N, C-alpha and C. Protein backbone atom coordinates (compact mmCIF):
# COMPACT_ATOMS: atom_id res chain seq x y z
N MET A 1 54.89 -35.28 86.82
CA MET A 1 54.14 -35.35 87.63
C MET A 1 53.09 -34.68 88.28
N GLU A 2 53.64 -33.29 88.45
CA GLU A 2 52.35 -32.50 88.53
C GLU A 2 51.35 -32.15 87.81
N ARG A 3 51.74 -32.60 86.19
CA ARG A 3 50.76 -32.38 85.63
C ARG A 3 49.53 -33.36 85.92
N LEU A 4 49.77 -34.48 86.11
CA LEU A 4 48.97 -35.53 86.47
C LEU A 4 48.41 -35.51 87.50
N ARG A 5 48.91 -34.76 88.58
CA ARG A 5 48.58 -34.40 90.07
C ARG A 5 47.15 -33.59 90.04
N GLY A 6 47.43 -32.34 89.13
CA GLY A 6 46.19 -31.49 89.06
C GLY A 6 45.77 -30.42 90.55
N LYS A 7 44.99 -29.94 90.68
CA LYS A 7 44.85 -28.92 91.41
C LYS A 7 44.17 -29.60 92.60
N ASP A 8 43.37 -30.93 92.36
CA ASP A 8 42.22 -31.64 93.34
C ASP A 8 43.59 -32.72 94.05
N GLY A 9 44.90 -32.44 93.87
CA GLY A 9 45.71 -33.60 94.16
C GLY A 9 45.57 -34.90 93.57
N TRP A 10 46.20 -36.08 94.21
CA TRP A 10 45.87 -37.34 93.76
C TRP A 10 44.84 -37.91 94.24
N GLY A 11 44.24 -38.97 93.60
CA GLY A 11 43.13 -39.77 93.92
C GLY A 11 42.04 -39.58 92.60
N PRO A 12 40.58 -40.24 92.82
CA PRO A 12 39.81 -40.48 91.90
C PRO A 12 39.44 -38.65 91.39
N ALA A 13 39.14 -37.91 92.06
CA ALA A 13 38.82 -36.54 91.57
C ALA A 13 39.52 -36.05 90.47
N ALA A 14 40.98 -36.17 90.57
CA ALA A 14 41.90 -35.71 89.79
C ALA A 14 41.61 -36.57 88.50
N ALA A 15 41.79 -37.98 88.54
CA ALA A 15 41.49 -38.68 87.53
C ALA A 15 40.55 -38.72 86.62
N ARG A 16 39.31 -38.47 87.56
CA ARG A 16 38.00 -37.69 86.57
C ARG A 16 38.48 -36.55 85.66
N GLY A 17 38.88 -35.53 86.41
CA GLY A 17 39.25 -34.43 85.72
C GLY A 17 39.90 -34.48 84.26
N ALA A 18 40.93 -35.23 84.76
CA ALA A 18 41.92 -35.60 83.32
C ALA A 18 41.08 -36.59 82.29
N ALA A 19 40.31 -37.50 82.93
CA ALA A 19 39.57 -38.54 81.67
C ALA A 19 38.35 -37.50 80.99
N GLY A 20 38.01 -36.69 82.14
CA GLY A 20 36.93 -35.51 81.07
C GLY A 20 37.43 -35.12 80.10
N ARG A 21 38.79 -34.28 80.52
CA ARG A 21 39.36 -33.40 79.46
C ARG A 21 39.87 -34.32 78.17
N LEU A 22 40.10 -35.59 78.52
CA LEU A 22 40.35 -36.56 77.31
C LEU A 22 39.40 -36.52 76.28
N GLY A 23 38.15 -37.26 77.35
CA GLY A 23 36.80 -37.59 76.60
C GLY A 23 36.60 -36.58 75.66
N ASP A 24 36.41 -35.26 76.34
CA ASP A 24 36.23 -33.77 75.50
C ASP A 24 37.02 -33.86 74.10
N SER A 25 38.29 -33.87 74.23
CA SER A 25 39.26 -33.85 73.36
C SER A 25 39.00 -35.12 72.17
N VAL A 26 38.48 -36.04 72.81
CA VAL A 26 38.78 -37.32 71.58
C VAL A 26 37.20 -36.87 71.00
N ARG A 27 36.19 -36.31 71.50
CA ARG A 27 34.66 -36.29 70.97
C ARG A 27 34.73 -34.87 70.17
N GLU A 28 35.60 -34.15 70.29
CA GLU A 28 36.05 -32.87 69.05
C GLU A 28 36.92 -33.60 68.19
N LEU A 29 37.81 -34.29 68.71
CA LEU A 29 38.58 -34.69 67.18
C LEU A 29 37.62 -36.09 66.32
N MET A 30 36.58 -36.45 66.93
CA MET A 30 35.55 -37.32 66.31
C MET A 30 34.59 -36.38 65.32
N GLU A 31 34.12 -35.37 65.97
CA GLU A 31 33.21 -34.53 65.63
C GLU A 31 33.78 -33.65 64.22
N GLN A 32 35.05 -33.15 64.49
CA GLN A 32 35.41 -32.19 63.28
C GLN A 32 36.51 -32.75 62.65
N ARG A 33 37.12 -33.93 62.63
CA ARG A 33 37.75 -34.72 61.68
C ARG A 33 37.41 -35.85 61.15
N VAL A 34 37.02 -37.14 62.19
CA VAL A 34 36.72 -38.26 61.80
C VAL A 34 35.40 -38.49 61.05
N LEU A 35 34.17 -37.73 61.55
CA LEU A 35 33.15 -38.15 61.22
C LEU A 35 32.70 -37.26 59.79
N PRO A 36 33.35 -36.13 59.39
CA PRO A 36 33.39 -35.71 58.16
C PRO A 36 34.02 -36.39 56.74
N ALA A 37 35.31 -36.90 57.46
CA ALA A 37 35.83 -37.91 56.57
C ALA A 37 34.94 -39.00 55.98
N CYS A 38 34.62 -39.29 57.12
CA CYS A 38 33.94 -40.76 56.97
C CYS A 38 32.47 -40.34 56.18
N GLU A 39 31.90 -39.18 56.24
CA GLU A 39 30.47 -38.62 55.62
C GLU A 39 31.16 -38.58 54.05
N ARG A 40 32.26 -38.17 54.00
CA ARG A 40 32.94 -37.52 52.58
C ARG A 40 33.45 -39.10 51.76
N TYR A 41 33.92 -39.96 52.38
CA TYR A 41 34.14 -41.16 51.86
C TYR A 41 33.10 -41.98 51.39
N GLU A 42 31.73 -42.06 52.46
CA GLU A 42 30.73 -42.71 51.99
C GLU A 42 30.05 -42.05 51.12
N ARG A 43 30.04 -40.78 50.82
CA ARG A 43 29.61 -40.07 49.40
C ARG A 43 29.93 -40.58 48.24
N LEU A 44 31.66 -40.77 48.02
CA LEU A 44 32.52 -41.50 47.22
C LEU A 44 31.79 -42.61 46.77
N VAL A 45 31.95 -43.51 47.94
CA VAL A 45 31.59 -44.86 47.75
C VAL A 45 29.89 -44.98 47.15
N GLU A 46 29.10 -44.26 47.26
CA GLU A 46 27.79 -44.47 47.01
C GLU A 46 28.02 -43.71 45.68
N ALA A 47 28.47 -42.78 45.17
CA ALA A 47 28.57 -42.64 43.98
C ALA A 47 29.25 -43.39 43.08
N TRP A 48 30.42 -44.25 43.48
CA TRP A 48 31.04 -45.32 42.87
C TRP A 48 30.21 -46.49 42.74
N GLU A 49 29.22 -46.84 43.52
CA GLU A 49 28.09 -47.83 43.73
C GLU A 49 27.22 -47.54 42.43
N ALA A 50 26.65 -46.33 42.47
CA ALA A 50 25.73 -46.05 41.28
C ALA A 50 26.02 -45.88 39.84
N LEU A 51 27.74 -45.68 39.86
CA LEU A 51 28.43 -45.83 38.23
C LEU A 51 28.80 -46.81 38.04
N VAL A 52 29.36 -47.77 38.97
CA VAL A 52 30.01 -49.31 38.33
C VAL A 52 29.04 -50.24 38.57
N PRO A 53 28.65 -50.77 37.28
CA PRO A 53 27.48 -52.08 37.57
C PRO A 53 28.12 -53.08 38.45
N ALA A 54 27.19 -53.70 39.10
CA ALA A 54 27.42 -54.47 40.17
C ALA A 54 28.40 -55.72 39.68
N ASP A 55 27.91 -56.16 38.61
CA ASP A 55 29.09 -57.28 38.05
C ASP A 55 30.39 -57.06 37.88
N ILE A 56 31.05 -55.62 37.70
CA ILE A 56 31.83 -55.39 37.72
C ILE A 56 32.79 -54.91 39.40
N ARG A 57 31.69 -54.37 39.98
CA ARG A 57 32.14 -53.90 41.28
C ARG A 57 32.59 -55.08 42.12
N GLU A 58 32.23 -56.33 41.76
CA GLU A 58 32.35 -57.55 42.58
C GLU A 58 34.09 -57.82 42.02
N HIS A 59 34.86 -57.06 41.15
CA HIS A 59 36.02 -57.35 41.04
C HIS A 59 36.75 -56.53 41.13
N VAL A 60 36.37 -55.38 41.47
CA VAL A 60 37.11 -53.93 41.56
C VAL A 60 36.62 -53.52 42.75
N ARG A 61 37.97 -52.55 43.64
CA ARG A 61 37.79 -51.90 44.78
C ARG A 61 38.54 -50.54 44.85
N ILE A 62 37.76 -49.58 45.67
CA ILE A 62 38.37 -48.43 45.44
C ILE A 62 39.46 -48.64 46.92
N GLY A 63 40.76 -48.40 46.20
CA GLY A 63 41.93 -48.52 47.42
C GLY A 63 42.43 -47.08 47.93
N GLU A 64 42.79 -46.15 47.70
CA GLU A 64 43.55 -45.09 48.23
C GLU A 64 43.40 -43.93 47.55
N TRP A 65 43.19 -42.87 48.23
CA TRP A 65 43.16 -41.42 47.38
C TRP A 65 44.34 -40.67 48.20
N VAL A 66 45.03 -39.98 46.98
CA VAL A 66 46.51 -39.55 47.61
C VAL A 66 46.52 -38.13 46.60
N ASP A 67 46.45 -36.91 46.86
CA ASP A 67 47.11 -35.88 46.29
C ASP A 67 45.93 -36.21 44.92
N GLY A 68 44.49 -36.36 45.03
CA GLY A 68 43.79 -36.22 43.98
C GLY A 68 43.91 -37.33 43.05
N GLU A 69 44.60 -38.08 43.55
CA GLU A 69 44.43 -39.44 42.60
C GLU A 69 43.70 -40.54 43.26
N LEU A 70 42.57 -40.97 42.53
CA LEU A 70 41.78 -42.16 43.09
C LEU A 70 42.43 -43.62 42.58
N LYS A 71 42.70 -44.48 43.89
CA LYS A 71 43.68 -45.80 43.13
C LYS A 71 42.53 -46.85 43.57
N VAL A 72 42.50 -47.48 42.20
CA VAL A 72 41.42 -48.49 42.21
C VAL A 72 42.12 -49.95 41.88
N PHE A 73 41.87 -50.66 42.38
CA PHE A 73 42.34 -52.31 42.16
C PHE A 73 41.51 -53.14 41.73
N ALA A 74 42.00 -54.06 41.27
CA ALA A 74 40.99 -54.90 40.15
C ALA A 74 41.49 -56.30 40.48
N ASP A 75 40.82 -57.41 40.53
CA ASP A 75 41.61 -58.80 40.65
C ASP A 75 41.80 -59.46 39.59
N SER A 76 41.90 -59.01 38.31
CA SER A 76 42.52 -59.57 37.13
C SER A 76 42.86 -58.03 36.05
N PRO A 77 43.85 -58.30 35.22
CA PRO A 77 44.38 -57.23 34.21
C PRO A 77 43.06 -57.01 33.30
N SER A 78 42.20 -57.87 32.98
CA SER A 78 40.96 -57.55 32.17
C SER A 78 40.19 -56.77 32.85
N TYR A 79 39.73 -56.94 34.27
CA TYR A 79 38.74 -55.76 34.57
C TYR A 79 39.85 -54.17 34.69
N VAL A 80 40.93 -54.47 34.66
CA VAL A 80 41.80 -53.09 34.72
C VAL A 80 41.70 -52.52 33.50
N TYR A 81 41.43 -53.28 32.35
CA TYR A 81 41.56 -52.69 31.09
C TYR A 81 40.20 -52.11 30.90
N GLU A 82 39.30 -52.92 31.07
CA GLU A 82 37.49 -52.49 31.41
C GLU A 82 37.38 -51.20 31.94
N MET A 83 38.01 -50.96 32.94
CA MET A 83 37.70 -49.90 34.01
C MET A 83 38.37 -48.79 33.17
N GLN A 84 39.44 -49.28 32.76
CA GLN A 84 40.62 -47.75 31.97
C GLN A 84 39.58 -47.39 30.64
N LEU A 85 38.84 -48.25 29.87
CA LEU A 85 38.37 -47.88 28.93
C LEU A 85 36.96 -47.14 29.12
N CYS A 86 36.47 -46.88 30.20
CA CYS A 86 35.56 -46.06 30.78
C CYS A 86 35.87 -44.77 31.84
N SER A 87 37.26 -44.72 32.10
CA SER A 87 37.65 -44.13 33.36
C SER A 87 37.56 -42.67 33.06
N SER A 88 37.36 -42.11 31.88
CA SER A 88 37.44 -40.66 31.47
C SER A 88 35.99 -40.31 31.95
N GLU A 89 34.66 -40.93 31.48
CA GLU A 89 33.49 -40.66 32.11
C GLU A 89 33.38 -40.88 33.66
N LEU A 90 33.90 -41.80 34.01
CA LEU A 90 33.96 -42.24 35.32
C LEU A 90 34.38 -41.04 36.57
N LEU A 91 35.73 -40.74 35.67
CA LEU A 91 36.28 -39.62 36.46
C LEU A 91 35.52 -38.12 36.64
N GLU A 92 35.02 -37.83 35.29
CA GLU A 92 33.99 -36.99 35.11
C GLU A 92 33.14 -37.02 36.07
N GLU A 93 32.02 -37.97 36.21
CA GLU A 93 30.88 -38.19 36.91
C GLU A 93 31.22 -38.24 38.38
N LEU A 94 32.69 -38.54 38.63
CA LEU A 94 32.74 -38.62 40.21
C LEU A 94 33.14 -37.27 40.74
N ARG A 95 33.97 -36.49 39.80
CA ARG A 95 33.96 -35.21 40.14
C ARG A 95 32.91 -34.38 40.39
N ARG A 96 31.70 -34.43 39.57
CA ARG A 96 30.86 -33.69 39.72
C ARG A 96 29.68 -34.28 40.81
N ARG A 97 29.81 -35.69 41.30
CA ARG A 97 29.06 -36.06 42.18
C ARG A 97 30.04 -35.61 43.77
N CYS A 98 30.88 -35.75 43.88
CA CYS A 98 32.03 -35.45 44.93
C CYS A 98 32.62 -34.46 44.61
N PRO A 99 32.35 -33.06 44.34
CA PRO A 99 33.25 -32.04 44.26
C PRO A 99 34.36 -31.80 45.31
N GLY A 100 33.89 -32.21 46.66
CA GLY A 100 34.92 -31.89 48.00
C GLY A 100 36.36 -32.60 47.56
N TRP A 101 36.08 -33.95 46.77
CA TRP A 101 37.15 -34.78 46.73
C TRP A 101 38.61 -34.08 45.84
N ARG A 102 38.28 -33.16 45.03
CA ARG A 102 39.40 -32.61 43.72
C ARG A 102 40.18 -33.87 43.26
N LEU A 103 38.99 -34.43 42.47
CA LEU A 103 39.76 -35.65 41.80
C LEU A 103 40.51 -35.03 40.53
N ARG A 104 41.88 -35.53 40.38
CA ARG A 104 42.40 -35.39 39.25
C ARG A 104 42.75 -36.48 38.53
N SER A 105 42.83 -37.42 39.00
CA SER A 105 42.53 -38.87 38.09
C SER A 105 42.28 -40.11 38.73
N ILE A 106 42.39 -41.01 37.59
CA ILE A 106 41.99 -42.61 38.80
C ILE A 106 43.15 -43.47 38.07
N ARG A 107 43.57 -44.22 38.50
CA ARG A 107 44.54 -44.98 38.29
C ARG A 107 44.23 -46.49 39.06
N PHE A 108 44.35 -47.38 37.84
CA PHE A 108 43.82 -48.79 38.24
C PHE A 108 45.29 -49.75 38.33
N PHE A 109 44.97 -50.79 38.90
CA PHE A 109 46.34 -51.56 39.54
C PHE A 109 45.52 -52.94 39.21
N SER A 110 46.25 -53.97 38.61
CA SER A 110 45.95 -55.16 38.85
C SER A 110 46.48 -55.96 40.18
N GLU A 111 45.51 -56.82 41.13
CA GLU A 111 45.96 -57.69 41.85
C GLU A 111 46.03 -59.12 41.66
N GLY A 112 45.58 -59.37 40.40
CA GLY A 112 45.92 -60.83 40.12
C GLY A 112 46.85 -61.18 39.09
């Protein structure tokens, strides 16, 4: 309870001080962690869209990135196969365009 009370005691002034500190913390988190991660992801998506033809992109999506592995999901096994055929070139080009991602591999999964 003492932490909530603050030096100004109870009331609006104390609440404004706590809210201001919380707001500063949230802003710092956004600027230092969230926005840079979004910008990195945006670069990956832009590279993906430039490399994968539109007619194939309609059937595949980037899933997640874990420990250097990019997981890609396709709506049918035939698109998984098609993506696997070009996976070496795709991985090489994604590494070149997005060096901060440190991609080791791409794995394709069928959702259909």
